Amino acid sequence: MKKTVLRKYAKLIAAQGVNVQPGQEVFIAADLDQPEFVKMLVEECYKRKAKKVVVDWSYQPLEKLNVRYCSLATMSEMTNYEEARWQHYVDTIPCRIYLLSEDPDGLNGVNQEKMAKAKQKKYPIIRKYRDQIENKYQWCIAAVPGVAWAKKLFPRLRANQAVEKLWEVILDCSRVWDDPIAAWEDHNRSLHERCDYLNSLGIEKLHYTAGNGTDLTVGMIDEAQFCGGGETSLQGICFNPNIPTEECFISPKRGEAEGIVYATKPLSYQGQLIDGFWIRFEAGKAVEWHADQNEELLTKLINMDEGSAYLGECALVPYDSPIRKSGLLFYNTLFDENAACHLALGMGFADTIKDFRNKTLEECRKLGVNDSMIHEDFMIGSEDMNIDALCRDGKTVPIFRDGNWAF
């Protein structure tokens, strides 16, 4: 891929993604797949006068070795230096960038039970820090090609050709080719206008139906609103948390979901795929489920903590999304969630509550925003999905017809 194009992408992430402010620190999480691009991204952050840029590298084979050889007690320990890092986040409110490139099958065979227990034990300590920075910092999730991921998508191509092809798709979906900044300003404007219309309806419930058997009704929080595209932190800084994004999303009311929903794409979770699954909800909680592939892993996901069996997000994405039109199954939630309507198990978003800036995180949760250590999106959209808004004034307004916006 031409360096001039990659430089545009790096600038987009630094400027439109996290919107680095002068004197702000930046932490980048990346796998070992694209070091030259990470170097570009670091430089673009410094060009925006970042005080310091830290790159945290990860590598799935090492993660598998750690899970295999470390004791559960060691994996569950929150060391002093790890806790000091979280305190540093609280004290400095840095930008955080997550570059995804991992192999969708990279953790096959790992002891998922051990991983889950370790995360459960560490989460209470992490949570007290995470809650202190919630909605205060800018963050952005973007992607770069990894060889294994590229070969998964394009198995007939040689490794270098597959990586080049995946670069093309990532950059196309991320609106990088011409003037990326202007393209994202227009895209944000379009998403915000659609959210404004949805918020004008006074939606009490969303009713999802599809030919695959999906028949689910989800209750909304009175004070909640649809959001999409660019967001504004509690510090007043605009940023784009996902590049790419096509969704208008809202946090539903905990405890108000009834019916069954069928996934329409595999879910890549912790380096493994969960496929062919459905979940049935009663009183908002997942009470029954099945997966053709990795049902045990789906069960672990749903049972991670008290809130992981409840919904934290309802996101509306049209079937004619440019990401879906690519014809690819990405095996990567960042892309697959923007190719179809999706729901999320686990944590909801406090910043979907109106006037959340003047409310505490606990007040937002009391209104019905779900709390959990996880937030895992799974795709439910299809070409025949219909969604109706049951409004507080008694009207029923079509939102989706045959997979696409009805307005």
Protein backbone atom coordinates (compact mmCIF):
# COMPACT_ATOMS: atom_id res chain seq x y z
CA MET A 1 0.00 0.00 0.00
CA LYS A 2 1.29 3.47 -0.87
CA LYS A 3 2.78 5.27 2.10
CA THR A 4 0.93 8.46 1.15
CA VAL A 5 -2.40 6.67 1.60
CA LEU A 6 -1.33 5.04 4.86
CA ARG A 7 -0.22 8.44 6.11
CA LYS A 8 -3.74 9.76 5.44
CA TYR A 9 -5.15 6.89 7.50
CA ALA A 10 -2.75 7.55 10.37
CA LYS A 11 -3.65 11.24 10.32
CA LEU A 12 -7.37 10.36 10.31
CA ILE A 13 -7.01 8.21 13.44
CA ALA A 14 -4.94 10.83 15.27
CA ALA A 15 -7.01 13.85 14.24
CA GLN A 16 -10.57 12.61 13.70
CA GLY A 17 -10.38 9.39 15.70
CA VAL A 18 -8.98 10.41 19.08
CA ASN A 19 -8.42 14.11 18.24
CA VAL A 20 -5.15 14.34 20.18
CA GLN A 21 -4.88 17.59 22.14
CA PRO A 22 -1.60 19.48 22.75
CA GLY A 23 0.11 18.14 25.86
CA GLN A 24 -2.04 14.99 26.01
CA GLU A 25 -0.55 11.51 26.37
CA VAL A 26 -1.51 8.74 23.94
CA PHE A 27 -1.52 4.98 24.58
CA ILE A 28 -1.67 2.71 21.53
CA ALA A 29 -2.47 -1.02 21.77
CA ALA A 30 -1.33 -3.00 18.72
CA ASP A 31 -0.31 -6.47 17.60
CA LEU A 32 3.04 -7.10 15.90
CA ASP A 33 1.59 -7.01 12.37
CA GLN A 34 2.11 -3.48 11.03
CA PRO A 35 5.03 -1.81 12.84
CA GLU A 36 5.65 0.70 10.03
CA PHE A 37 2.06 1.92 10.21
CA VAL A 38 2.23 2.14 14.00
CA LYS A 39 5.35 4.29 13.56
CA MET A 40 3.38 6.59 11.23
CA LEU A 41 0.55 6.82 13.74
CA VAL A 42 2.94 7.67 16.58
CA GLU A 43 4.45 10.43 14.45
CA GLU A 44 1.01 11.85 13.58
CA CYS A 45 0.16 11.97 17.29
CA TYR A 46 3.39 13.85 17.98
CA LYS A 47 2.64 16.25 15.11
CA ARG A 48 -0.52 17.15 17.01
CA LYS A 49 1.75 18.02 19.94
CA ALA A 50 1.14 14.92 22.05
CA LYS A 51 3.23 15.01 25.21
CA LYS A 52 4.11 11.31 25.05
CA VAL A 53 3.05 8.30 22.97
CA VAL A 54 3.29 4.79 24.44
CA VAL A 55 2.83 1.63 22.34
CA ASP A 56 1.76 -1.58 24.08
CA TRP A 57 2.51 -4.54 21.80
CA SER A 58 0.68 -7.86 22.02
CA TYR A 59 1.10 -11.25 20.32
CA GLN A 60 -1.47 -14.04 20.47
CA PRO A 61 1.03 -16.95 20.67
CA LEU A 62 2.53 -15.36 23.79
CA GLU A 63 -0.93 -14.93 25.26
CA LYS A 64 -1.56 -18.64 24.75
CA LEU A 65 1.73 -19.49 26.46
CA ASN A 66 0.87 -17.29 29.44
CA VAL A 67 -2.51 -18.96 29.84
CA ARG A 68 -0.92 -22.40 29.54
CA TYR A 69 1.93 -21.95 32.00
CA CYS A 70 0.84 -19.30 34.50
CA SER A 71 -1.20 -20.40 37.48
CA LEU A 72 -4.72 -19.05 37.87
CA ALA A 73 -3.54 -17.18 40.97
CA THR A 74 -0.81 -15.45 38.99
CA MET A 75 -3.15 -14.57 36.11
CA SER A 76 -5.69 -13.21 38.60
CA GLU A 77 -3.20 -10.98 40.41
CA MET A 78 -3.42 -7.23 39.86
CA THR A 79 0.23 -6.24 40.24
CA ASN A 80 1.36 -2.91 41.63
CA TYR A 81 2.63 -1.70 38.27
CA GLU A 82 -0.64 -2.63 36.54
CA GLU A 83 -2.64 -0.75 39.15
CA ALA A 84 -0.24 2.21 38.88
CA ARG A 85 -0.93 2.29 35.12
CA TRP A 86 -4.67 2.54 35.75
CA GLN A 87 -4.10 5.29 38.30
CA HIS A 88 -2.03 7.11 35.70
CA TYR A 89 -5.00 6.96 33.32
CA VAL A 90 -7.16 8.53 36.02
CA ASP A 91 -4.62 11.25 36.76
CA THR A 92 -3.78 12.23 33.16
CA ILE A 93 -6.85 11.23 31.04
CA PRO A 94 -4.84 10.16 27.96
CA CYS A 95 -6.10 9.22 24.50
CA ARG A 96 -6.31 5.49 23.86
CA ILE A 97 -6.04 3.91 20.40
CA TYR A 98 -6.72 0.22 19.72
CA LEU A 99 -5.40 -1.15 16.41
CA LEU A 100 -7.01 -4.51 15.63
CA SER A 101 -5.29 -7.09 13.42
CA GLU A 102 -5.57 -10.34 15.36
CA ASP A 103 -6.10 -13.79 13.89
CA PRO A 104 -9.82 -14.72 14.34
CA ASP A 105 -8.68 -18.26 15.24
CA GLY A 106 -5.53 -17.22 17.10
CA LEU A 107 -6.59 -18.47 20.52
CA ASN A 108 -8.08 -21.79 19.48
CA GLY A 109 -7.32 -24.41 22.10
CA VAL A 110 -6.66 -21.94 24.91
CA ASN A 111 -8.16 -22.65 28.34
CA GLN A 112 -11.17 -20.30 28.16
CA GLU A 113 -12.33 -21.22 31.67
CA LYS A 114 -9.00 -20.12 33.11
CA MET A 115 -9.01 -16.87 31.12
CA ALA A 116 -12.55 -16.06 32.20
CA LYS A 117 -11.87 -16.71 35.88
CA ALA A 118 -8.74 -14.54 35.82
CA LYS A 119 -10.64 -11.64 34.26
CA GLN A 120 -13.48 -12.03 36.76
CA LYS A 121 -11.05 -11.83 39.69
CA LYS A 122 -9.21 -8.76 38.34
CA TYR A 123 -12.29 -6.82 37.23
CA PRO A 124 -13.39 -5.44 40.64
CA ILE A 125 -10.02 -3.70 40.95
CA ILE A 126 -10.03 -2.44 37.36
CA ARG A 127 -13.60 -1.22 37.64
CA LYS A 128 -12.89 1.35 40.34
CA TYR A 129 -10.42 3.02 37.97
CA ARG A 130 -12.46 2.52 34.79
CA ASP A 131 -15.49 4.18 36.36
CA GLN A 132 -13.41 7.24 37.21
CA ILE A 133 -12.43 7.83 33.58
CA GLU A 134 -15.70 6.73 31.95
CA ASN A 135 -16.69 9.23 29.21
CA LYS A 136 -13.79 11.53 30.10
CA TYR A 137 -11.20 10.35 27.59
CA GLN A 138 -11.03 10.04 23.80
CA TRP A 139 -10.62 6.57 22.36
CA CYS A 140 -10.66 5.03 18.90
CA ILE A 141 -10.77 1.47 17.61
CA ALA A 142 -9.40 1.02 14.09
CA ALA A 143 -7.83 -1.85 12.14
CA VAL A 144 -4.75 -2.84 10.20
CA PRO A 145 -4.13 -6.13 8.35
CA GLY A 146 -2.52 -9.11 10.00
CA VAL A 147 -1.29 -11.97 7.80
CA ALA A 148 -3.46 -14.64 9.46
CA TRP A 149 -6.53 -12.40 9.38
CA ALA A 150 -5.92 -11.51 5.72
CA LYS A 151 -5.48 -15.18 4.76
CA LYS A 152 -8.71 -16.02 6.58
CA LEU A 153 -10.56 -13.57 4.32
CA PHE A 154 -8.62 -14.26 1.12
CA PRO A 155 -7.36 -17.88 1.37
CA ARG A 156 -6.59 -18.20 -2.34
CA LEU A 157 -4.16 -15.28 -2.38
CA ARG A 158 -0.51 -15.35 -1.35
CA ALA A 159 0.17 -13.78 2.04
CA ASN A 160 1.46 -10.45 0.71
CA GLN A 161 -1.41 -10.21 -1.79
CA ALA A 162 -3.96 -11.00 0.92
CA VAL A 163 -2.54 -8.29 3.19
CA GLU A 164 -2.61 -5.76 0.34
CA LYS A 165 -6.21 -6.70 -0.47
CA LEU A 166 -7.23 -6.33 3.17
CA TRP A 167 -5.53 -2.93 3.31
CA GLU A 168 -7.67 -1.86 0.33
CA VAL A 169 -10.88 -3.00 2.03
CA ILE A 170 -10.03 -1.41 5.40
CA LEU A 171 -9.15 1.92 3.79
CA ASP A 172 -12.26 1.85 1.59
CA CYS A 173 -14.60 1.12 4.51
CA SER A 174 -12.83 3.84 6.53
CA ARG A 175 -13.33 6.51 3.82
CA VAL A 176 -9.63 7.18 3.39
CA TRP A 177 -9.12 7.50 -0.36
CA ASP A 178 -9.85 11.17 -1.08
CA ASP A 179 -10.11 13.71 1.76
CA PRO A 180 -10.71 11.52 4.84
CA ILE A 181 -11.30 14.38 7.28
CA ALA A 182 -13.95 16.01 5.06
CA ALA A 183 -15.52 12.61 4.33
CA TRP A 184 -15.86 11.87 8.05
CA GLU A 185 -17.31 15.30 8.80
CA ASP A 186 -20.02 14.62 6.20
CA HIS A 187 -20.59 11.09 7.49
CA ASN A 188 -20.91 12.26 11.09
CA ARG A 189 -23.41 14.90 10.02
CA SER A 190 -25.54 12.27 8.24
CA LEU A 191 -25.55 9.93 11.24
CA HIS A 192 -26.40 12.75 13.64
CA GLU A 193 -29.39 13.81 11.49
CA ARG A 194 -30.73 10.24 11.47
CA CYS A 195 -30.33 10.02 15.24
CA ASP A 196 -32.20 13.33 15.64
CA TYR A 197 -35.19 11.86 13.81
CA LEU A 198 -35.18 8.68 15.90
CA ASN A 199 -34.99 10.75 19.09
CA SER A 200 -37.98 12.84 18.00
CA LEU A 201 -40.26 9.78 18.00
CA GLY A 202 -40.37 9.14 21.75
CA ILE A 203 -39.64 5.43 21.36
CA GLU A 204 -40.77 3.20 24.22
CA LYS A 205 -39.87 -0.17 22.66
CA LEU A 206 -38.22 -1.61 19.56
CA HIS A 207 -39.77 -4.72 18.03
CA TYR A 208 -37.48 -6.85 15.81
CA THR A 209 -38.78 -9.55 13.45
CA ALA A 210 -37.13 -11.58 10.68
CA GLY A 211 -37.77 -14.71 8.66
CA ASN A 212 -35.12 -16.68 10.56
CA GLY A 213 -37.35 -16.68 13.67
CA THR A 214 -36.21 -13.48 15.36
CA ASP A 215 -39.08 -11.96 17.35
CA LEU A 216 -37.72 -9.70 20.07
CA THR A 217 -39.07 -6.64 21.88
CA VAL A 218 -36.62 -4.41 23.76
CA GLY A 219 -37.61 -1.58 26.13
CA MET A 220 -35.97 1.84 26.00
CA ILE A 221 -34.96 4.16 28.86
CA ASP A 222 -37.12 7.30 28.87
CA GLU A 223 -34.06 9.52 29.21
CA ALA A 224 -31.97 7.68 26.60
CA GLN A 225 -31.21 8.89 23.10
CA PHE A 226 -29.74 7.45 19.92
CA CYS A 227 -26.15 8.38 19.18
CA GLY A 228 -23.88 7.74 16.23
CA GLY A 229 -20.67 8.88 14.60
CA GLY A 230 -18.62 11.45 16.46
CA GLU A 231 -18.99 11.87 20.23
CA THR A 232 -17.94 14.51 22.74
CA SER A 233 -16.10 13.61 25.93
CA LEU A 234 -16.89 15.08 29.34
CA GLN A 235 -13.83 17.26 28.73
CA GLY A 236 -15.59 18.78 25.71
CA ILE A 237 -13.38 17.11 23.07
CA CYS A 238 -14.96 15.64 19.93
CA PHE A 239 -13.73 12.24 18.72
CA ASN A 240 -14.76 9.19 16.67
CA PRO A 241 -14.59 6.02 18.78
CA ASN A 242 -14.95 3.63 15.83
CA ILE A 243 -13.35 3.84 12.40
CA PRO A 244 -15.33 2.65 10.48
CA THR A 245 -18.88 3.10 11.80
CA GLU A 246 -22.35 2.97 10.21
CA GLU A 247 -24.54 2.63 13.31
CA CYS A 248 -27.10 4.61 15.25
CA PHE A 249 -27.11 3.08 18.73
CA ILE A 250 -28.81 3.40 22.09
CA SER A 251 -28.55 1.75 25.51
CA PRO A 252 -31.80 -0.16 26.23
CA LYS A 253 -33.40 -0.49 29.64
CA ARG A 254 -32.00 -3.31 31.73
CA GLY A 255 -34.66 -5.91 32.45
CA GLU A 256 -36.89 -5.12 29.46
CA ALA A 257 -36.27 -7.60 26.65
CA GLU A 258 -38.66 -10.37 25.67
CA GLY A 259 -38.40 -12.96 22.91
CA ILE A 260 -35.82 -14.71 20.79
CA VAL A 261 -33.12 -13.40 18.47
CA TYR A 262 -30.97 -15.26 15.95
CA ALA A 263 -27.43 -14.20 15.10
CA THR A 264 -26.77 -13.69 11.39
CA LYS A 265 -22.96 -13.62 11.52
CA PRO A 266 -20.35 -15.46 13.60
CA LEU A 267 -19.11 -13.74 16.74
CA SER A 268 -15.33 -13.55 17.14
CA TYR A 269 -14.71 -13.68 20.89
CA GLN A 270 -11.33 -14.10 22.56
CA GLY A 271 -9.69 -15.47 19.43
CA GLN A 272 -12.42 -18.04 18.72
CA LEU A 273 -15.63 -18.05 16.67
CA ILE A 274 -19.14 -18.61 18.04
CA ASP A 275 -21.49 -19.40 15.17
CA GLY A 276 -25.05 -20.45 14.42
CA PHE A 277 -26.46 -19.19 17.68
CA TRP A 278 -29.67 -17.82 19.15
CA ILE A 279 -30.57 -16.32 22.53
CA ARG A 280 -33.96 -16.13 24.24
CA PHE A 281 -34.67 -13.33 26.73
CA GLU A 282 -37.18 -13.11 29.58
CA ALA A 283 -37.51 -10.01 31.77
CA GLY A 284 -34.45 -8.65 30.01
CA LYS A 285 -32.19 -11.59 30.83
CA ALA A 286 -30.78 -14.30 28.56
CA VAL A 287 -32.41 -17.48 29.89
CA GLU A 288 -31.81 -19.93 27.05
CA TRP A 289 -29.34 -20.16 24.17
CA HIS A 290 -27.73 -22.50 21.69
CA ALA A 291 -24.76 -22.33 19.31
CA ASP A 292 -23.83 -24.77 16.55
CA GLN A 293 -20.18 -23.86 17.12
CA ASN A 294 -18.59 -23.06 20.52
CA GLU A 295 -21.74 -23.17 22.65
CA GLU A 296 -19.59 -23.60 25.75
CA LEU A 297 -17.80 -20.34 24.97
CA LEU A 298 -21.14 -18.57 24.45
CA THR A 299 -22.23 -19.85 27.86
CA LYS A 300 -19.06 -18.47 29.48
CA LEU A 301 -19.68 -15.10 27.80
CA ILE A 302 -23.28 -14.88 29.01
CA ASN A 303 -22.29 -15.92 32.54
CA MET A 304 -19.23 -13.67 32.96
CA ASP A 305 -20.91 -11.58 35.66
CA GLU A 306 -24.32 -10.41 36.88
CA GLY A 307 -24.82 -7.99 33.98
CA SER A 308 -23.44 -10.06 31.11
CA ALA A 309 -26.78 -11.80 30.50
CA TYR A 310 -28.52 -8.44 29.89
CA LEU A 311 -28.42 -6.14 26.88
CA GLY A 312 -26.23 -3.03 26.86
CA GLU A 313 -26.79 -1.79 23.32
CA CYS A 314 -29.24 -1.78 20.41
CA ALA A 315 -27.59 -0.62 17.18
CA LEU A 316 -29.31 0.05 13.87
CA VAL A 317 -27.29 -0.55 10.70
CA PRO A 318 -28.88 -0.81 7.23
CA TYR A 319 -28.39 -3.94 5.14
CA ASP A 320 -27.09 -1.74 2.31
CA SER A 321 -24.20 -0.61 4.51
CA PRO A 322 -21.03 -0.19 2.42
CA ILE A 323 -19.34 -2.73 4.68
CA ARG A 324 -21.99 -5.34 3.97
CA LYS A 325 -21.78 -4.47 0.26
CA SER A 326 -18.11 -5.46 0.31
CA GLY A 327 -19.42 -9.03 0.35
CA LEU A 328 -16.94 -10.01 3.06
CA LEU A 329 -17.43 -11.68 6.38
CA PHE A 330 -14.59 -10.04 8.31
CA TYR A 331 -14.55 -12.27 11.40
CA ASN A 332 -13.89 -9.00 13.23
CA THR A 333 -16.57 -7.26 15.26
CA LEU A 334 -15.48 -3.72 14.35
CA PHE A 335 -16.39 -4.43 10.73
CA ASP A 336 -19.10 -7.07 11.02
CA GLU A 337 -21.11 -5.00 13.50
CA ASN A 338 -21.18 -2.19 10.93
CA ALA A 339 -22.53 -4.51 8.27
CA ALA A 340 -25.71 -5.41 10.16
CA CYS A 341 -28.01 -4.41 12.98
CA HIS A 342 -26.59 -5.73 16.22
CA LEU A 343 -27.17 -6.06 19.94
CA ALA A 344 -24.59 -6.19 22.70
CA LEU A 345 -24.49 -8.24 25.84
CA GLY A 346 -23.10 -6.49 28.89
CA MET A 347 -22.17 -2.90 29.65
CA GLY A 348 -24.36 -0.07 28.39
CA PHE A 349 -23.25 3.46 27.55
CA ALA A 350 -23.95 6.18 30.10
CA ASP A 351 -23.35 8.84 27.44
CA THR A 352 -26.57 7.79 25.68
CA ILE A 353 -28.49 9.36 28.58
CA LYS A 354 -29.69 12.90 27.98
CA ASP A 355 -27.74 15.45 30.02
CA PHE A 356 -25.38 12.68 31.17
CA ARG A 357 -22.72 15.34 31.79
CA ASN A 358 -24.69 16.49 34.81
CA LYS A 359 -25.35 12.99 36.12
CA THR A 360 -23.11 10.53 37.92
CA LEU A 361 -22.37 7.15 36.43
CA GLU A 362 -24.38 5.56 39.22
CA GLU A 363 -27.40 7.79 38.42
CA CYS A 364 -27.26 6.67 34.78
CA ARG A 365 -27.19 3.04 35.84
CA LYS A 366 -30.18 3.54 38.14
CA LEU A 367 -32.12 4.79 35.09
CA GLY A 368 -31.52 1.41 33.46
CA VAL A 369 -28.07 1.51 31.79
CA ASN A 370 -26.64 -1.99 32.25
CA ASP A 371 -23.35 -2.54 34.05
CA SER A 372 -20.96 -5.40 33.30
CA MET A 373 -17.29 -6.22 32.83
CA ILE A 374 -17.98 -7.12 29.18
CA HIS A 375 -19.52 -5.46 26.14
CA GLU A 376 -19.83 -7.95 23.28
CA ASP A 377 -21.68 -7.12 20.07
CA PHE A 378 -23.42 -9.82 18.04
CA MET A 379 -24.99 -9.31 14.65
CA ILE A 380 -28.69 -9.90 14.01
CA GLY A 381 -29.46 -7.86 10.87
CA SER A 382 -30.70 -9.55 7.68
CA GLU A 383 -32.15 -8.57 4.32
CA ASP A 384 -35.68 -9.26 5.57
CA MET A 385 -35.43 -7.72 9.04
CA ASN A 386 -38.25 -5.38 10.07
CA ILE A 387 -38.05 -3.10 13.09
CA ASP A 388 -40.99 -1.14 14.49
CA ALA A 389 -40.82 1.65 17.05
CA LEU A 390 -43.60 1.43 19.62
CA CYS A 391 -43.86 5.04 20.75
CA ARG A 392 -45.02 6.60 24.00
CA ASP A 393 -47.89 8.37 22.21
CA GLY A 394 -49.32 4.99 21.15
CA LYS A 395 -48.13 5.16 17.53
CA THR A 396 -46.19 2.42 15.79
CA VAL A 397 -43.59 3.82 13.42
CA PRO A 398 -41.67 1.64 10.93
CA ILE A 399 -37.92 2.05 11.41
CA PHE A 400 -36.61 -0.77 9.19
CA ARG A 401 -38.26 -2.59 6.32
CA ASP A 402 -36.54 -5.46 4.51
CA GLY A 403 -33.26 -4.75 6.23
CA ASN A 404 -33.01 -1.04 5.47
CA TRP A 405 -34.16 2.28 6.87
CA ALA A 406 -37.91 2.84 6.42
CA PHE A 407 -37.49 6.63 6.42
